Amino acid sequence: PKKKDWRKQHEDFINTVRAAKGMDGYEAPPLDTSDYEQCPH
């Protein structure tokens, strides 16, 4: 499997949790689907 950038995933997770709690200055980051494969059908 392709190596994942775990640091970036960890930071995104923390930001998502803080945004869900309603903390000021934090927004949920967009999902990174660059490693996803598209179905041809």
PDB file of all heavy atoms in Angstrom:
ATOM      1  N   PRO A   1       0.832  -1.198   0.000  1.00  0.00           N
ATOM      2  CA  PRO A   1       0.000   0.000   0.000  1.00  0.00           C
ATOM      3  C   PRO A   1       0.869   1.252   0.000  1.00  0.00           C
ATOM      4  O   PRO A   1       1.995   1.248   0.491  1.00  0.00           O
ATOM      5  CB  PRO A   1      -0.807  -0.120   1.295  1.00  0.00           C
ATOM      6  CG  PRO A   1      -0.027  -1.040   2.156  1.00  0.00           C
ATOM      7  CD  PRO A   1       0.730  -1.948   1.239  1.00  0.00           C
ATOM      8  N   LYS A   2       0.299   2.334  -0.555  1.00  0.00           N
ATOM      9  CA  LYS A   2       1.037   3.596  -0.598  1.00  0.00           C
ATOM     10  C   LYS A   2       1.237   4.109   0.820  1.00  0.00           C
ATOM     11  O   LYS A   2       0.376   3.947   1.686  1.00  0.00           O
ATOM     12  CB  LYS A   2       0.257   4.630  -1.408  1.00  0.00           C
ATOM     13  CG  LYS A   2       0.085   4.259  -2.857  1.00  0.00           C
ATOM     14  CD  LYS A   2      -0.795   5.282  -3.563  1.00  0.00           C
ATOM     15  CE  LYS A   2      -1.082   4.872  -4.978  1.00  0.00           C
ATOM     16  NZ  LYS A   2      -2.028   5.785  -5.635  1.00  0.00           N
ATOM     17  N   LYS A   3       2.391   4.745   1.042  1.00  0.00           N
ATOM     18  CA  LYS A   3       2.654   5.307   2.360  1.00  0.00           C
ATOM     19  C   LYS A   3       1.770   6.531   2.565  1.00  0.00           C
ATOM     20  O   LYS A   3       1.639   7.369   1.684  1.00  0.00           O
ATOM     21  CB  LYS A   3       4.125   5.700   2.490  1.00  0.00           C
ATOM     22  CG  LYS A   3       5.043   4.517   2.636  1.00  0.00           C
ATOM     23  CD  LYS A   3       6.425   4.982   3.030  1.00  0.00           C
ATOM     24  CE  LYS A   3       7.314   3.801   3.324  1.00  0.00           C
ATOM     25  NZ  LYS A   3       8.637   4.221   3.785  1.00  0.00           N
ATOM     26  N   LYS A   4       1.184   6.596   3.729  1.00  0.00           N
ATOM     27  CA  LYS A   4       0.307   7.711   4.045  1.00  0.00           C
ATOM     28  C   LYS A   4       1.072   8.714   4.897  1.00  0.00           C
ATOM     29  O   LYS A   4       1.950   8.356   5.666  1.00  0.00           O
ATOM     30  CB  LYS A   4      -0.928   7.215   4.797  1.00  0.00           C
ATOM     31  CG  LYS A   4      -1.792   6.297   3.966  1.00  0.00           C
ATOM     32  CD  LYS A   4      -3.011   5.876   4.709  1.00  0.00           C
ATOM     33  CE  LYS A   4      -3.876   4.981   3.848  1.00  0.00           C
ATOM     34  NZ  LYS A   4      -5.056   4.513   4.549  1.00  0.00           N
ATOM     35  N   ASP A   5       0.702   9.985   4.723  1.00  0.00           N
ATOM     36  CA  ASP A   5       1.311  11.050   5.509  1.00  0.00           C
ATOM     37  C   ASP A   5       0.566  11.126   6.830  1.00  0.00           C
ATOM     38  O   ASP A   5      -0.434  11.842   6.968  1.00  0.00           O
ATOM     39  CB  ASP A   5       1.238  12.376   4.735  1.00  0.00           C
ATOM     40  CG  ASP A   5       2.015  13.476   5.423  1.00  0.00           C
ATOM     41  OD1 ASP A   5       2.711  13.174   6.419  1.00  0.00           O
ATOM     42  OD2 ASP A   5       1.919  14.631   4.980  1.00  0.00           O
ATOM     43  N   TRP A   6       1.039  10.382   7.822  1.00  0.00           N
ATOM     44  CA  TRP A   6       0.308  10.272   9.080  1.00  0.00           C
ATOM     45  C   TRP A   6       0.318  11.586   9.859  1.00  0.00           C
ATOM     46  O   TRP A   6      -0.613  11.874  10.610  1.00  0.00           O
ATOM     47  CB  TRP A   6       0.859   9.133   9.925  1.00  0.00           C
ATOM     48  CG  TRP A   6       2.286   9.314  10.360  1.00  0.00           C
ATOM     49  CD1 TRP A   6       3.392   8.900   9.713  1.00  0.00           C
ATOM     50  CD2 TRP A   6       2.739   9.979  11.552  1.00  0.00           C
ATOM     51  NE1 TRP A   6       4.510   9.256  10.397  1.00  0.00           N
ATOM     52  CE2 TRP A   6       4.141   9.922  11.542  1.00  0.00           C
ATOM     53  CE3 TRP A   6       2.106  10.625  12.606  1.00  0.00           C
ATOM     54  CZ2 TRP A   6       4.922  10.477  12.546  1.00  0.00           C
ATOM     55  CZ3 TRP A   6       2.887  11.166  13.611  1.00  0.00           C
ATOM     56  CH2 TRP A   6       4.272  11.097  13.584  1.00  0.00           C
ATOM     57  N   ARG A   7       1.367  12.393   9.702  1.00  0.00           N
ATOM     58  CA  ARG A   7       1.404  13.681  10.414  1.00  0.00           C
ATOM     59  C   ARG A   7       0.261  14.592   9.950  1.00  0.00           C
ATOM     60  O   ARG A   7      -0.417  15.225  10.755  1.00  0.00           O
ATOM     61  CB  ARG A   7       2.749  14.370  10.184  1.00  0.00           C
ATOM     62  CG  ARG A   7       3.834  13.858  11.069  1.00  0.00           C
ATOM     63  CD  ARG A   7       5.017  14.828  11.105  1.00  0.00           C
ATOM     64  NE  ARG A   7       6.033  14.301  11.987  1.00  0.00           N
ATOM     65  CZ  ARG A   7       7.083  13.604  11.597  1.00  0.00           C
ATOM     66  NH1 ARG A   7       7.258  13.347  10.329  1.00  0.00           N
ATOM     67  NH2 ARG A   7       7.950  13.153  12.474  1.00  0.00           N
ATOM     68  N   LYS A   8       0.089  14.642   8.619  1.00  0.00           N
ATOM     69  CA  LYS A   8      -0.975  15.489   8.068  1.00  0.00           C
ATOM     70  C   LYS A   8      -2.337  14.954   8.495  1.00  0.00           C
ATOM     71  O   LYS A   8      -3.231  15.725   8.865  1.00  0.00           O
ATOM     72  CB  LYS A   8      -0.883  15.534   6.538  1.00  0.00           C
ATOM     73  CG  LYS A   8      -1.861  16.508   5.901  1.00  0.00           C
ATOM     74  CD  LYS A   8      -1.665  16.549   4.411  1.00  0.00           C
ATOM     75  CE  LYS A   8      -2.570  17.526   3.725  1.00  0.00           C
ATOM     76  NZ  LYS A   8      -3.961  17.460   4.070  1.00  0.00           N
ATOM     77  N   GLN A   9      -2.504  13.630   8.467  1.00  0.00           N
ATOM     78  CA  GLN A   9      -3.773  13.046   8.902  1.00  0.00           C
ATOM     79  C   GLN A   9      -4.045  13.378  10.375  1.00  0.00           C
ATOM     80  O   GLN A   9      -5.179  13.675  10.753  1.00  0.00           O
ATOM     81  CB  GLN A   9      -3.746  11.527   8.722  1.00  0.00           C
ATOM     82  CG  GLN A   9      -3.922  11.073   7.296  1.00  0.00           C
ATOM     83  CD  GLN A   9      -3.943   9.552   7.199  1.00  0.00           C
ATOM     84  OE1 GLN A   9      -3.433   8.851   8.064  1.00  0.00           O
ATOM     85  NE2 GLN A   9      -4.528   9.059   6.132  1.00  0.00           N
ATOM     86  N   HIS A  10      -2.999  13.328  11.198  1.00  0.00           N
ATOM     87  CA  HIS A  10      -3.147  13.606  12.626  1.00  0.00           C
ATOM     88  C   HIS A  10      -3.560  15.061  12.852  1.00  0.00           C
ATOM     89  O   HIS A  10      -4.477  15.344  13.634  1.00  0.00           O
ATOM     90  CB  HIS A  10      -1.828  13.299  13.337  1.00  0.00           C
ATOM     91  CG  HIS A  10      -1.839  13.578  14.800  1.00  0.00           C
ATOM     92  ND1 HIS A  10      -2.601  12.848  15.678  1.00  0.00           N
ATOM     93  CD2 HIS A  10      -1.187  14.501  15.540  1.00  0.00           C
ATOM     94  CE1 HIS A  10      -2.414  13.312  16.899  1.00  0.00           C
ATOM     95  NE2 HIS A  10      -1.554  14.323  16.846  1.00  0.00           N
ATOM     96  N   GLU A  11      -2.890  15.973  12.146  1.00  0.00           N
ATOM     97  CA  GLU A  11      -3.229  17.393  12.283  1.00  0.00           C
ATOM     98  C   GLU A  11      -4.660  17.667  11.802  1.00  0.00           C
ATOM     99  O   GLU A  11      -5.401  18.422  12.436  1.00  0.00           O
ATOM    100  CB  GLU A  11      -2.238  18.252  11.514  1.00  0.00           C
ATOM    101  CG  GLU A  11      -0.858  18.287  12.148  1.00  0.00           C
ATOM    102  CD  GLU A  11       0.188  18.944  11.253  1.00  0.00           C
ATOM    103  OE1 GLU A  11      -0.185  19.470  10.179  1.00  0.00           O
ATOM    104  OE2 GLU A  11       1.365  18.924  11.638  1.00  0.00           O
ATOM    105  N   ASP A  12      -5.061  17.066  10.687  1.00  0.00           N
ATOM    106  CA  ASP A  12      -6.426  17.233  10.174  1.00  0.00           C
ATOM    107  C   ASP A  12      -7.448  16.714  11.178  1.00  0.00           C
ATOM    108  O   ASP A  12      -8.505  17.324  11.382  1.00  0.00           O
ATOM    109  CB  ASP A  12      -6.599  16.508   8.837  1.00  0.00           C
ATOM    110  CG  ASP A  12      -5.860  17.192   7.697  1.00  0.00           C
ATOM    111  OD1 ASP A  12      -5.409  18.343   7.892  1.00  0.00           O
ATOM    112  OD2 ASP A  12      -5.726  16.570   6.623  1.00  0.00           O
ATOM    113  N   PHE A  13      -7.137  15.582  11.807  1.00  0.00           N
ATOM    114  CA  PHE A  13      -8.049  14.999  12.795  1.00  0.00           C
ATOM    115  C   PHE A  13      -8.213  15.941  13.989  1.00  0.00           C
ATOM    116  O   PHE A  13      -9.336  16.183  14.451  1.00  0.00           O
ATOM    117  CB  PHE A  13      -7.526  13.631  13.248  1.00  0.00           C
ATOM    118  CG  PHE A  13      -8.336  13.000  14.325  1.00  0.00           C
ATOM    119  CD1 PHE A  13      -9.600  12.507  14.072  1.00  0.00           C
ATOM    120  CD2 PHE A  13      -7.843  12.907  15.620  1.00  0.00           C
ATOM    121  CE1 PHE A  13     -10.350  11.921  15.061  1.00  0.00           C
ATOM    122  CE2 PHE A  13      -8.586  12.334  16.622  1.00  0.00           C
ATOM    123  CZ  PHE A  13      -9.846  11.833  16.351  1.00  0.00           C
ATOM    124  N   ILE A  14      -7.093  16.481  14.481  1.00  0.00           N
ATOM    125  CA  ILE A  14      -7.150  17.398  15.627  1.00  0.00           C
ATOM    126  C   ILE A  14      -7.957  18.644  15.267  1.00  0.00           C
ATOM    127  O   ILE A  14      -8.814  19.104  16.042  1.00  0.00           O
ATOM    128  CB  ILE A  14      -5.735  17.772  16.100  1.00  0.00           C
ATOM    129  CG1 ILE A  14      -5.083  16.539  16.744  1.00  0.00           C
ATOM    130  CG2 ILE A  14      -5.754  18.938  17.076  1.00  0.00           C
ATOM    131  CD1 ILE A  14      -3.631  16.716  17.085  1.00  0.00           C
ATOM    132  N   ASN A  15      -7.707  19.178  14.060  1.00  0.00           N
ATOM    133  CA  ASN A  15      -8.458  20.366  13.630  1.00  0.00           C
ATOM    134  C   ASN A  15      -9.951  20.072  13.481  1.00  0.00           C
ATOM    135  O   ASN A  15     -10.800  20.917  13.803  1.00  0.00           O
ATOM    136  CB  ASN A  15      -7.893  20.921  12.321  1.00  0.00           C
ATOM    137  CG  ASN A  15      -6.524  21.531  12.512  1.00  0.00           C
ATOM    138  OD1 ASN A  15      -6.155  21.933  13.617  1.00  0.00           O
ATOM    139  ND2 ASN A  15      -5.753  21.612  11.446  1.00  0.00           N
ATOM    140  N   THR A  16     -10.299  18.892  12.985  1.00  0.00           N
ATOM    141  CA  THR A  16     -11.702  18.498  12.836  1.00  0.00           C
ATOM    142  C   THR A  16     -12.378  18.411  14.200  1.00  0.00           C
ATOM    143  O   THR A  16     -13.508  18.885  14.388  1.00  0.00           O
ATOM    144  CB  THR A  16     -11.818  17.154  12.100  1.00  0.00           C
ATOM    145  OG1 THR A  16     -11.141  17.247  10.860  1.00  0.00           O
ATOM    146  CG2 THR A  16     -13.258  16.748  11.868  1.00  0.00           C
ATOM    147  N   VAL A  17     -11.694  17.820  15.182  1.00  0.00           N
ATOM    148  CA  VAL A  17     -12.254  17.683  16.530  1.00  0.00           C
ATOM    149  C   VAL A  17     -12.443  19.057  17.156  1.00  0.00           C
ATOM    150  O   VAL A  17     -13.486  19.350  17.766  1.00  0.00           O
ATOM    151  CB  VAL A  17     -11.353  16.788  17.404  1.00  0.00           C
ATOM    152  CG1 VAL A  17     -11.788  16.824  18.859  1.00  0.00           C
ATOM    153  CG2 VAL A  17     -11.377  15.363  16.890  1.00  0.00           C
ATOM    154  N   ARG A  18     -11.429  19.940  17.006  1.00  0.00           N
ATOM    155  CA  ARG A  18     -11.534  21.275  17.590  1.00  0.00           C
ATOM    156  C   ARG A  18     -12.649  22.087  16.925  1.00  0.00           C
ATOM    157  O   ARG A  18     -13.350  22.853  17.589  1.00  0.00           O
ATOM    158  CB  ARG A  18     -10.194  21.993  17.467  1.00  0.00           C
ATOM    159  CG  ARG A  18      -9.167  21.436  18.433  1.00  0.00           C
ATOM    160  CD  ARG A  18      -7.845  22.119  18.314  1.00  0.00           C
ATOM    161  NE  ARG A  18      -6.883  21.541  19.251  1.00  0.00           N
ATOM    162  CZ  ARG A  18      -5.589  21.708  19.181  1.00  0.00           C
ATOM    163  NH1 ARG A  18      -5.060  22.442  18.202  1.00  0.00           N
ATOM    164  NH2 ARG A  18      -4.798  21.153  20.067  1.00  0.00           N
ATOM    165  N   ALA A  19     -12.799  21.907  15.595  1.00  0.00           N
ATOM    166  CA  ALA A  19     -13.878  22.609  14.895  1.00  0.00           C
ATOM    167  C   ALA A  19     -15.239  22.091  15.340  1.00  0.00           C
ATOM    168  O   ALA A  19     -16.206  22.855  15.475  1.00  0.00           O
ATOM    169  CB  ALA A  19     -13.721  22.443  13.385  1.00  0.00           C
ATOM    170  N   ALA A  20     -15.336  20.790  15.613  1.00  0.00           N
ATOM    171  CA  ALA A  20     -16.603  20.202  16.065  1.00  0.00           C
ATOM    172  C   ALA A  20     -16.958  20.680  17.471  1.00  0.00           C
ATOM    173  O   ALA A  20     -18.134  20.820  17.810  1.00  0.00           O
ATOM    174  CB  ALA A  20     -16.511  18.681  16.031  1.00  0.00           C
ATOM    175  N   LYS A  21     -15.936  20.952  18.290  1.00  0.00           N
ATOM    176  CA  LYS A  21     -16.186  21.451  19.646  1.00  0.00           C
ATOM    177  C   LYS A  21     -16.594  22.923  19.630  1.00  0.00           C
ATOM    178  O   LYS A  21     -17.053  23.448  20.641  1.00  0.00           O
ATOM    179  CB  LYS A  21     -14.924  21.288  20.500  1.00  0.00           C
ATOM    180  CG  LYS A  21     -14.660  19.870  20.935  1.00  0.00           C
ATOM    181  CD  LYS A  21     -13.438  19.827  21.820  1.00  0.00           C
ATOM    182  CE  LYS A  21     -13.178  18.428  22.337  1.00  0.00           C
ATOM    183  NZ  LYS A  21     -11.981  18.378  23.184  1.00  0.00           N
ATOM    184  N   GLY A  22     -16.362  23.579  18.494  1.00  0.00           N
ATOM    185  CA  GLY A  22     -16.736  24.984  18.387  1.00  0.00           C
ATOM    186  C   GLY A  22     -15.641  25.925  18.849  1.00  0.00           C
ATOM    187  O   GLY A  22     -15.929  27.063  19.223  1.00  0.00           O
ATOM    188  N   MET A  23     -14.420  25.507  18.856  1.00  0.00           N
ATOM    189  CA  MET A  23     -13.320  26.373  19.271  1.00  0.00           C
ATOM    190  C   MET A  23     -13.088  27.431  18.199  1.00  0.00           C
ATOM    191  O   MET A  23     -13.199  27.162  17.008  1.00  0.00           O
ATOM    192  CB  MET A  23     -12.045  25.551  19.502  1.00  0.00           C
ATOM    193  CG  MET A  23     -12.174  24.536  20.621  1.00  0.00           C
ATOM    194  SD  MET A  23     -10.682  23.585  20.838  1.00  0.00           S
ATOM    195  CE  MET A  23      -9.873  24.518  22.087  1.00  0.00           C
ATOM    196  N   ASP A  24     -12.753  28.630  18.639  1.00  0.00           N
ATOM    197  CA  ASP A  24     -12.539  29.741  17.717  1.00  0.00           C
ATOM    198  C   ASP A  24     -11.263  29.543  16.909  1.00  0.00           C
ATOM    199  O   ASP A  24     -10.234  29.118  17.431  1.00  0.00           O
ATOM    200  CB  ASP A  24     -12.445  31.065  18.497  1.00  0.00           C
ATOM    201  CG  ASP A  24     -13.768  31.430  19.149  1.00  0.00           C
ATOM    202  OD1 ASP A  24     -14.801  30.991  18.621  1.00  0.00           O
ATOM    203  OD2 ASP A  24     -13.748  32.149  20.170  1.00  0.00           O
ATOM    204  N   GLY A  25     -11.315  29.866  15.621  1.00  0.00           N
ATOM    205  CA  GLY A  25     -10.134  29.828  14.751  1.00  0.00           C
ATOM    206  C   GLY A  25      -9.890  28.476  14.085  1.00  0.00           C
ATOM    207  O   GLY A  25      -8.894  28.306  13.380  1.00  0.00           O
ATOM    208  N   TYR A  26     -10.734  27.500  14.317  1.00  0.00           N
ATOM    209  CA  TYR A  26     -10.528  26.175  13.715  1.00  0.00           C
ATOM    210  C   TYR A  26     -11.677  25.850  12.782  1.00  0.00           C
ATOM    211  O   TYR A  26     -12.843  26.025  13.121  1.00  0.00           O
ATOM    212  CB  TYR A  26     -10.423  25.087  14.790  1.00  0.00           C
ATOM    213  CG  TYR A  26      -9.130  25.179  15.592  1.00  0.00           C
ATOM    214  CD1 TYR A  26      -9.131  25.767  16.845  1.00  0.00           C
ATOM    215  CD2 TYR A  26      -7.950  24.698  15.071  1.00  0.00           C
ATOM    216  CE1 TYR A  26      -7.968  25.863  17.584  1.00  0.00           C
ATOM    217  CE2 TYR A  26      -6.778  24.790  15.807  1.00  0.00           C
ATOM    218  CZ  TYR A  26      -6.791  25.382  17.055  1.00  0.00           C
ATOM    219  OH  TYR A  26      -5.632  25.474  17.765  1.00  0.00           O
ATOM    220  N   GLU A  27     -11.303  25.373  11.580  1.00  0.00           N
ATOM    221  CA  GLU A  27     -12.286  24.908  10.609  1.00  0.00           C
ATOM    222  C   GLU A  27     -11.953  23.479  10.238  1.00  0.00           C
ATOM    223  O   GLU A  27     -10.791  23.080  10.234  1.00  0.00           O
ATOM    224  CB  GLU A  27     -12.241  25.779   9.344  1.00  0.00           C
ATOM    225  CG  GLU A  27     -12.751  27.185   9.537  1.00  0.00           C
ATOM    226  CD  GLU A  27     -12.735  27.956   8.227  1.00  0.00           C
ATOM    227  OE1 GLU A  27     -12.641  27.323   7.147  1.00  0.00           O
ATOM    228  OE2 GLU A  27     -12.810  29.185   8.287  1.00  0.00           O
ATOM    229  N   ALA A  28     -12.981  22.742   9.925  1.00  0.00           N
ATOM    230  CA  ALA A  28     -12.752  21.354   9.506  1.00  0.00           C
ATOM    231  C   ALA A  28     -12.047  21.359   8.153  1.00  0.00           C
ATOM    232  O   ALA A  28     -12.527  21.991   7.207  1.00  0.00           O
ATOM    233  CB  ALA A  28     -14.069  20.602   9.416  1.00  0.00           C
ATOM    234  N   PRO A  29     -10.889  20.699   8.047  1.00  0.00           N
ATOM    235  CA  PRO A  29     -10.181  20.682   6.761  1.00  0.00           C
ATOM    236  C   PRO A  29     -10.923  19.824   5.745  1.00  0.00           C
ATOM    237  O   PRO A  29     -11.644  18.886   6.106  1.00  0.00           O
ATOM    238  CB  PRO A  29      -8.834  20.065   7.105  1.00  0.00           C
ATOM    239  CG  PRO A  29      -9.070  19.269   8.330  1.00  0.00           C
ATOM    240  CD  PRO A  29     -10.188  19.953   9.068  1.00  0.00           C
ATOM    241  N   PRO A  30     -10.764  20.136   4.452  1.00  0.00           N
ATOM    242  CA  PRO A  30     -11.427  19.301   3.439  1.00  0.00           C
ATOM    243  C   PRO A  30     -10.794  17.904   3.409  1.00  0.00           C
ATOM    244  O   PRO A  30      -9.609  17.737   3.706  1.00  0.00           O
ATOM    245  CB  PRO A  30     -11.162  20.047   2.127  1.00  0.00           C
ATOM    246  CG  PRO A  30      -9.949  20.866   2.393  1.00  0.00           C
ATOM    247  CD  PRO A  30      -9.978  21.204   3.856  1.00  0.00           C
ATOM    248  N   LEU A  31     -11.585  16.924   3.069  1.00  0.00           N
ATOM    249  CA  LEU A  31     -11.074  15.554   3.002  1.00  0.00           C
ATOM    250  C   LEU A  31     -10.098  15.417   1.842  1.00  0.00           C
ATOM    251  O   LEU A  31     -10.358  15.908   0.733  1.00  0.00           O
ATOM    252  CB  LEU A  31     -12.221  14.559   2.824  1.00  0.00           C
ATOM    253  CG  LEU A  31     -13.154  14.392   4.021  1.00  0.00           C
ATOM    254  CD1 LEU A  31     -14.298  13.475   3.635  1.00  0.00           C
ATOM    255  CD2 LEU A  31     -12.404  13.839   5.209  1.00  0.00           C
ATOM    256  N   ASP A  32      -8.984  14.725   2.092  1.00  0.00           N
ATOM    257  CA  ASP A  32      -7.976  14.503   1.048  1.00  0.00           C
ATOM    258  C   ASP A  32      -8.252  13.153   0.392  1.00  0.00           C
ATOM    259  O   ASP A  32      -8.043  12.104   0.995  1.00  0.00           O
ATOM    260  CB  ASP A  32      -6.572  14.525   1.652  1.00  0.00           C
ATOM    261  CG  ASP A  32      -5.494  14.309   0.605  1.00  0.00           C
ATOM    262  OD1 ASP A  32      -5.735  14.639  -0.572  1.00  0.00           O
ATOM    263  OD2 ASP A  32      -4.408  13.802   0.968  1.00  0.00           O
ATOM    264  N   THR A  33      -8.742  13.180  -0.830  1.00  0.00           N
ATOM    265  CA  THR A  33      -9.042  11.941  -1.561  1.00  0.00           C
ATOM    266  C   THR A  33      -8.131  11.792  -2.771  1.00  0.00           C
ATOM    267  O   THR A  33      -8.518  11.205  -3.774  1.00  0.00           O
ATOM    268  CB  THR A  33     -10.515  11.933  -2.008  1.00  0.00           C
ATOM    269  OG1 THR A  33     -10.730  13.077  -2.834  1.00  0.00           O
ATOM    270  CG2 THR A  33     -11.457  11.947  -0.820  1.00  0.00           C
ATOM    271  N   SER A  34      -6.908  12.328  -2.671  1.00  0.00           N
ATOM    272  CA  SER A  34      -5.999  12.280  -3.816  1.00  0.00           C
ATOM    273  C   SER A  34      -5.516  10.859  -4.112  1.00  0.00           C
ATOM    274  O   SER A  34      -5.150  10.547  -5.240  1.00  0.00           O
ATOM    275  CB  SER A  34      -4.798  13.192  -3.572  1.00  0.00           C
ATOM    276  OG  SER A  34      -4.093  12.773  -2.420  1.00  0.00           O
ATOM    277  N   ASP A  35      -5.512   9.998  -3.092  1.00  0.00           N
ATOM    278  CA  ASP A  35      -5.047   8.634  -3.314  1.00  0.00           C
ATOM    279  C   ASP A  35      -6.185   7.677  -3.663  1.00  0.00           C
ATOM    280  O   ASP A  35      -5.970   6.478  -3.804  1.00  0.00           O
ATOM    281  CB  ASP A  35      -4.288   8.125  -2.091  1.00  0.00           C
ATOM    282  CG  ASP A  35      -5.139   8.091  -0.837  1.00  0.00           C
ATOM    283  OD1 ASP A  35      -6.135   8.836  -0.790  1.00  0.00           O
ATOM    284  OD2 ASP A  35      -4.799   7.325   0.092  1.00  0.00           O
ATOM    285  N   TYR A  36      -7.391   8.174  -3.836  1.00  0.00           N
ATOM    286  CA  TYR A  36      -8.532   7.331  -4.183  1.00  0.00           C
ATOM    287  C   TYR A  36      -8.506   6.993  -5.676  1.00  0.00           C
ATOM    288  O   TYR A  36      -8.034   7.766  -6.492  1.00  0.00           O
ATOM    289  CB  TYR A  36      -9.844   8.033  -3.859  1.00  0.00           C
ATOM    290  CG  TYR A  36     -10.214   8.020  -2.384  1.00  0.00           C
ATOM    291  CD1 TYR A  36      -9.277   7.740  -1.402  1.00  0.00           C
ATOM    292  CD2 TYR A  36     -11.509   8.288  -1.985  1.00  0.00           C
ATOM    293  CE1 TYR A  36      -9.611   7.724  -0.069  1.00  0.00           C
ATOM    294  CE2 TYR A  36     -11.853   8.286  -0.644  1.00  0.00           C
ATOM    295  CZ  TYR A  36     -10.901   8.003   0.310  1.00  0.00           C
ATOM    296  OH  TYR A  36     -11.242   7.985   1.630  1.00  0.00           O
ATOM    297  N   GLU A  37      -9.024   5.798  -5.998  1.00  0.00           N
ATOM    298  CA  GLU A  37      -9.111   5.364  -7.397  1.00  0.00           C
ATOM    299  C   GLU A  37     -10.558   5.524  -7.871  1.00  0.00           C
ATOM    300  O   GLU A  37     -11.491   5.207  -7.138  1.00  0.00           O
ATOM    301  CB  GLU A  37      -8.696   3.897  -7.523  1.00  0.00           C
ATOM    302  CG  GLU A  37      -7.248   3.644  -7.190  1.00  0.00           C
ATOM    303  CD  GLU A  37      -6.876   2.168  -7.301  1.00  0.00           C
ATOM    304  OE1 GLU A  37      -7.515   1.457  -8.105  1.00  0.00           O
ATOM    305  OE2 GLU A  37      -5.976   1.744  -6.583  1.00  0.00           O
ATOM    306  N   GLN A  38     -10.706   6.000  -9.120  1.00  0.00           N
ATOM    307  CA  GLN A  38     -12.055   6.208  -9.656  1.00  0.00           C
ATOM    308  C   GLN A  38     -12.494   4.962 -10.407  1.00  0.00           C
ATOM    309  O   GLN A  38     -11.735   4.384 -11.189  1.00  0.00           O
ATOM    310  CB  GLN A  38     -12.079   7.414 -10.589  1.00  0.00           C
ATOM    311  CG  GLN A  38     -13.472   7.795 -11.014  1.00  0.00           C
ATOM    312  CD  GLN A  38     -13.499   9.135 -11.716  1.00  0.00           C
ATOM    313  OE1 GLN A  38     -12.460   9.700 -12.016  1.00  0.00           O
ATOM    314  NE2 GLN A  38     -14.701   9.633 -11.979  1.00  0.00           N
ATOM    315  N   CYS A  39     -13.726   4.555 -10.164  1.00  0.00           N
ATOM    316  CA  CYS A  39     -14.298   3.400 -10.857  1.00  0.00           C
ATOM    317  C   CYS A  39     -14.594   3.806 -12.301  1.00  0.00           C
ATOM    318  O   CYS A  39     -15.260   4.814 -12.540  1.00  0.00           O
ATOM    319  CB  CYS A  39     -15.567   2.946 -10.158  1.00  0.00           C
ATOM    320  SG  CYS A  39     -16.411   1.610 -11.016  1.00  0.00           S
ATOM    321  N   PRO A  40     -14.140   3.035 -13.297  1.00  0.00           N
ATOM    322  CA  PRO A  40     -14.401   3.396 -14.692  1.00  0.00           C
ATOM    323  C   PRO A  40     -15.856   3.180 -15.105  1.00  0.00           C
ATOM    324  O   PRO A  40     -16.291   3.695 -16.132  1.00  0.00           O
ATOM    325  CB  PRO A  40     -13.470   2.467 -15.478  1.00  0.00           C
ATOM    326  CG  PRO A  40     -13.220   1.319 -14.582  1.00  0.00           C
ATOM    327  CD  PRO A  40     -13.288   1.846 -13.181  1.00  0.00           C
ATOM    328  N   HIS A  41     -16.629   2.449 -14.305  1.00  0.00           N
ATOM    329  CA  HIS A  41     -18.007   2.124 -14.676  1.00  0.00           C
ATOM    330  C   HIS A  41     -19.022   3.117 -14.106  1.00  0.00           C
ATOM    331  O   HIS A  41     -19.919   3.557 -14.807  1.00  0.00           O
ATOM    332  CB  HIS A  41     -18.346   0.706 -14.223  1.00  0.00           C
ATOM    333  CG  HIS A  41     -17.334  -0.297 -14.674  1.00  0.00           C
ATOM    334  ND1 HIS A  41     -17.172  -0.654 -15.988  1.00  0.00           N
ATOM    335  CD2 HIS A  41     -16.399  -0.989 -13.983  1.00  0.00           C
ATOM    336  CE1 HIS A  41     -16.193  -1.538 -16.084  1.00  0.00           C
ATOM    337  NE2 HIS A  41     -15.705  -1.762 -14.882  1.00  0.00           N
TER     338      HIS A  41
END
